[in-house]
């Protein structure tokens, strides 16, 4: 299988595995610089990888990225809804303890 390289020389197969690219980007850009990286550092490395991909590979990664982002978005919306529903107080009749009840 064909390989592409990061600017640091790490190789990966453009097989449509979005998580594999994210892991390489993290390792080669973020971890390598001990979490001291900029938006431009990451953006430049992503552009470097994209420049090496063929149109079919780019379509496969775009499809995977859209799918992952759609699922993430749906999960966030569901979580927000559940948080709103779960935050509503449940009104129950309070019973007074037997020691506080008045007898007639």
Protein backbone atom coordinates (compact mmCIF):
# COMPACT_ATOMS: atom_id res chain seq x y z
CA UNK A 1 0.00 0.00 0.00
CA UNK A 2 1.07 3.53 -0.74
CA UNK A 3 2.46 5.66 2.11
CA UNK A 4 2.49 9.39 2.79
CA UNK A 5 4.83 11.24 5.14
CA UNK A 6 4.54 13.95 7.71
CA UNK A 7 7.04 16.79 7.66
CA UNK A 8 8.90 14.98 10.45
CA UNK A 9 9.20 11.80 8.37
CA UNK A 10 6.53 9.63 10.02
CA UNK A 11 4.72 7.50 7.46
CA UNK A 12 1.13 6.37 7.24
CA UNK A 13 -1.06 4.60 4.75
CA UNK A 14 -3.89 6.74 3.35
CA UNK A 15 -6.43 3.95 3.83
CA UNK A 16 -9.37 6.05 5.03
CA UNK A 17 -8.66 5.53 8.73
CA UNK A 18 -9.28 9.03 10.09
CA UNK A 19 -8.28 8.07 13.63
CA UNK A 20 -4.86 6.91 12.38
CA UNK A 21 -4.23 10.36 10.86
CA UNK A 22 -5.43 12.11 14.01
CA UNK A 23 -3.09 9.95 16.12
CA UNK A 24 -0.11 10.70 13.83
CA UNK A 25 -0.91 14.43 13.89
CA UNK A 26 -1.09 14.37 17.68
CA UNK A 27 2.15 12.43 18.04
CA UNK A 28 4.14 14.36 15.42
CA UNK A 29 2.84 17.88 16.01
CA UNK A 30 1.48 18.12 19.55
CA UNK A 31 3.42 15.55 21.59
CA UNK A 32 6.70 16.08 19.75
CA UNK A 33 6.57 19.76 20.73
CA UNK A 34 5.51 18.91 24.29
CA UNK A 35 2.02 20.40 23.78
CA UNK A 36 3.57 23.70 22.63
CA UNK A 37 2.21 23.99 19.13
CA UNK A 38 0.19 26.61 17.32
CA UNK A 39 -2.83 26.56 15.07
CA UNK A 40 -0.49 27.19 12.15
CA UNK A 41 1.74 24.23 13.09
CA UNK A 42 -1.20 21.84 12.98
CA UNK A 43 -2.78 23.47 9.93
CA UNK A 44 0.51 23.27 7.98
CA UNK A 45 0.94 19.58 8.81
CA UNK A 46 -2.63 18.81 7.76
CA UNK A 47 -2.04 20.71 4.48
CA UNK A 48 1.17 18.70 3.97
CA UNK A 49 -0.71 15.40 4.30
CA UNK A 50 -3.58 16.57 2.07
CA UNK A 51 -1.14 17.63 -0.66
CA UNK A 52 0.09 14.02 -0.87
CA UNK A 53 -3.37 12.43 -1.20
CA UNK A 54 -5.12 11.47 -4.41
CA UNK A 55 -8.66 12.71 -5.15
CA UNK A 56 -10.24 9.33 -4.19
CA UNK A 57 -8.31 9.32 -0.89
CA UNK A 58 -9.43 12.88 -0.18
CA UNK A 59 -13.07 11.91 -0.84
CA UNK A 60 -12.76 8.92 1.50
CA UNK A 61 -11.33 11.07 4.30
CA UNK A 62 -13.90 13.80 3.75
CA UNK A 63 -16.68 11.23 3.99
CA UNK A 64 -15.19 9.76 7.19
CA UNK A 65 -14.65 13.23 8.71
CA UNK A 66 -18.24 14.28 7.95
CA UNK A 67 -19.57 11.05 9.41
CA UNK A 68 -17.53 11.39 12.61
CA UNK A 69 -18.50 15.05 13.01
CA UNK A 70 -22.18 14.28 12.40
CA UNK A 71 -22.17 11.56 15.05
CA UNK A 72 -20.34 13.87 17.47
CA UNK A 73 -22.86 16.66 16.79
CA UNK A 74 -25.80 14.28 17.33
CA UNK A 75 -24.29 13.05 20.60
CA UNK A 76 -23.77 16.62 21.84
CA UNK A 77 -27.37 17.54 20.97
CA UNK A 78 -28.68 14.41 22.70
CA UNK A 79 -26.53 15.09 25.75
CA UNK A 80 -27.78 18.68 25.96
CA UNK A 81 -31.39 17.48 25.67
CA UNK A 82 -30.92 14.82 28.33
CA UNK A 83 -29.24 17.41 30.55
CA UNK A 84 -32.23 19.73 30.18
CA UNK A 85 -34.74 16.97 30.83
CA UNK A 86 -32.74 15.62 33.75
CA UNK A 87 -32.35 19.07 35.28
CA UNK A 88 -36.10 19.54 35.75
CA UNK A 89 -37.02 19.13 39.38
CA UNK A 90 -39.38 16.32 40.14
CA UNK A 91 -42.21 17.47 42.34
CA UNK A 92 -43.23 14.98 44.93
CA UNK A 93 -45.56 15.42 47.81
CA UNK A 94 -43.51 15.72 50.91
CA UNK A 95 -44.61 13.70 53.82
CA UNK A 96 -44.03 15.06 57.22
CA UNK A 97 -42.11 12.79 59.57
CA UNK A 98 -44.39 10.98 61.98
CA UNK A 99 -42.91 12.91 64.91
CA UNK A 100 -44.11 16.21 63.43
CA UNK A 101 -47.65 15.11 62.58
CA UNK A 102 -50.45 16.52 64.67
CA UNK A 103 -52.90 14.14 66.13
CA UNK A 104 -56.54 14.98 66.64
